[in-house]
Amino acid sequence: MTDAANWPTEIKVHKDRRVLTIAFEGGASYALPAELLRVESPSAEVQGHSPADRQLVAGKREVRIEEAIPVGNYAVRLIFDDGHSTGIYTWDWLFELGRDQEARFKRYLQELAAKNLSRDAPGAVRRH
């Protein structure tokens, strides 16, 4: 059950589709990069069914959010331009992701480096 302080008051996908901002009842507000949302998707495809099953997702530096679809009154489903659409982002998950985004992103970069993987898709030309 969502803590009252973790209830969103505003959710917005930025015009460039690369950031989702979310403000919460308790006063917290976060700007979440699409890349982080994609690689930390709560979907079984990414998280697996246990921590040991978690998948490292590389090549998502330029991913964009195509759509944010409300799911009941507890979550939002994000559709990404790489076709990923199975993550249901609960308010609590978005709050935790915002609160911990620096540590999560650092861990992500370390995991990529350990597996000699890149944030860039193979053959990708970076957009600005």
Protein backbone atom coordinates (compact mmCIF):
# COMPACT_ATOMS: atom_id res chain seq x y z
CA MET A 1 0.00 0.00 0.00
CA THR A 2 1.29 3.42 -0.95
CA ASP A 3 2.32 5.73 1.89
CA ALA A 4 0.35 9.01 1.74
CA ALA A 5 3.62 10.94 1.37
CA ASN A 6 4.37 8.84 -1.74
CA TRP A 7 1.12 9.78 -3.49
CA PRO A 8 1.87 11.71 -6.71
CA THR A 9 0.53 15.20 -7.20
CA GLU A 10 1.99 15.65 -10.71
CA ILE A 11 3.50 13.40 -13.36
CA LYS A 12 4.87 14.80 -16.58
CA VAL A 13 6.83 13.44 -19.53
CA HIS A 14 9.07 16.23 -20.80
CA LYS A 15 8.72 17.47 -24.35
CA ASP A 16 11.96 15.76 -25.43
CA ARG A 17 10.59 12.43 -24.07
CA ARG A 18 13.84 11.78 -22.17
CA VAL A 19 12.72 12.72 -18.63
CA LEU A 20 9.71 11.99 -16.46
CA THR A 21 9.14 14.35 -13.57
CA ILE A 22 7.04 13.34 -10.62
CA ALA A 23 6.08 15.33 -7.53
CA PHE A 24 4.72 13.70 -4.39
CA GLU A 25 2.29 14.71 -1.67
CA GLY A 26 5.08 14.71 0.93
CA GLY A 27 7.02 17.37 -1.00
CA ALA A 28 9.57 15.20 -2.78
CA SER A 29 10.01 15.83 -6.51
CA TYR A 30 12.22 13.92 -8.94
CA ALA A 31 13.35 14.19 -12.55
CA LEU A 32 13.85 10.62 -13.73
CA PRO A 33 15.83 10.04 -16.94
CA ALA A 34 14.18 7.70 -19.45
CA GLU A 35 17.36 5.61 -19.52
CA LEU A 36 17.18 4.94 -15.78
CA LEU A 37 13.45 4.19 -15.95
CA ARG A 38 14.08 1.72 -18.79
CA VAL A 39 17.02 -0.13 -17.22
CA GLU A 40 15.29 -0.26 -13.82
CA SER A 41 11.92 -1.30 -15.26
CA PRO A 42 9.89 -3.25 -12.71
CA SER A 43 8.93 -5.75 -15.43
CA ALA A 44 9.71 -9.45 -15.06
CA GLU A 45 11.72 -9.11 -18.28
CA VAL A 46 14.20 -6.86 -16.44
CA GLN A 47 13.80 -7.72 -12.74
CA GLY A 48 13.22 -11.44 -13.23
CA HIS A 49 11.37 -13.42 -10.60
CA SER A 50 14.17 -13.12 -8.04
CA PRO A 51 17.21 -10.86 -7.56
CA ALA A 52 19.40 -13.54 -9.17
CA ASP A 53 17.27 -13.34 -12.35
CA ARG A 54 17.69 -9.56 -12.77
CA GLN A 55 18.81 -8.64 -16.29
CA LEU A 56 21.35 -5.95 -17.10
CA VAL A 57 19.98 -3.81 -19.94
CA ALA A 58 22.65 -2.09 -22.05
CA GLY A 59 22.47 0.35 -24.95
CA LYS A 60 19.66 2.56 -23.64
CA ARG A 61 21.35 5.98 -23.39
CA GLU A 62 19.08 7.44 -26.12
CA VAL A 63 15.82 5.68 -25.18
CA ARG A 64 12.72 7.86 -25.04
CA ILE A 65 9.35 7.58 -23.35
CA GLU A 66 6.64 7.32 -25.99
CA GLU A 67 3.68 7.22 -23.63
CA ALA A 68 2.69 7.12 -19.95
CA ILE A 69 -0.58 5.25 -19.37
CA PRO A 70 -2.34 5.38 -15.97
CA VAL A 71 -2.92 1.98 -14.34
CA GLY A 72 -5.79 2.26 -11.89
CA ASN A 73 -4.95 4.72 -9.15
CA TYR A 74 -1.68 3.08 -8.13
CA ALA A 75 0.74 3.15 -11.08
CA VAL A 76 1.69 4.17 -14.60
CA ARG A 77 2.77 1.96 -17.49
CA LEU A 78 5.57 3.46 -19.55
CA ILE A 79 5.96 2.72 -23.25
CA PHE A 80 9.49 3.24 -24.57
CA ASP A 81 10.60 3.82 -28.15
CA ASP A 82 12.60 0.57 -28.09
CA GLY A 83 9.32 -1.36 -27.80
CA HIS A 84 9.52 -2.11 -24.06
CA SER A 85 6.05 -1.70 -22.57
CA THR A 86 5.59 -4.26 -19.79
CA GLY A 87 6.77 -2.29 -16.76
CA ILE A 88 4.09 -1.16 -14.31
CA TYR A 89 5.67 1.66 -12.28
CA THR A 90 3.85 1.95 -8.95
CA TRP A 91 3.98 5.22 -7.04
CA ASP A 92 6.19 3.56 -4.39
CA TRP A 93 8.58 2.25 -7.10
CA LEU A 94 8.87 5.71 -8.68
CA PHE A 95 9.44 7.29 -5.26
CA GLU A 96 12.21 4.78 -4.45
CA LEU A 97 13.74 5.16 -7.89
CA GLY A 98 13.80 8.95 -7.50
CA ARG A 99 15.16 8.83 -3.97
CA ASP A 100 17.87 6.31 -4.90
CA GLN A 101 18.56 7.31 -8.49
CA GLU A 102 22.16 8.40 -7.95
CA ALA A 103 23.14 5.10 -6.28
CA ARG A 104 21.15 3.02 -8.79
CA PHE A 105 22.71 4.79 -11.75
CA LYS A 106 26.19 4.37 -10.28
CA ARG A 107 25.53 0.64 -9.79
CA TYR A 108 24.24 0.39 -13.36
CA LEU A 109 27.42 1.99 -14.74
CA GLN A 110 29.59 -0.33 -12.64
CA GLU A 111 27.67 -3.39 -13.87
CA LEU A 112 28.03 -2.26 -17.50
CA ALA A 113 31.77 -1.73 -17.05
CA ALA A 114 32.21 -5.13 -15.36
CA LYS A 115 30.57 -6.82 -18.36
CA ASN A 116 32.29 -4.57 -20.92
CA LEU A 117 28.93 -3.23 -22.10
CA SER A 118 27.94 0.28 -23.14
CA ARG A 119 25.10 2.70 -22.53
CA ASP A 120 25.10 3.26 -26.30
CA ALA A 121 23.30 0.91 -28.66
CA PRO A 122 25.59 -0.85 -31.14
CA GLY A 123 26.16 1.50 -34.10
CA ALA A 124 24.14 4.28 -32.47
CA VAL A 125 24.67 7.91 -33.37
CA ARG A 126 24.13 10.05 -30.27
CA ARG A 127 21.29 12.59 -30.43
CA HIS A 128 21.61 15.93 -28.74
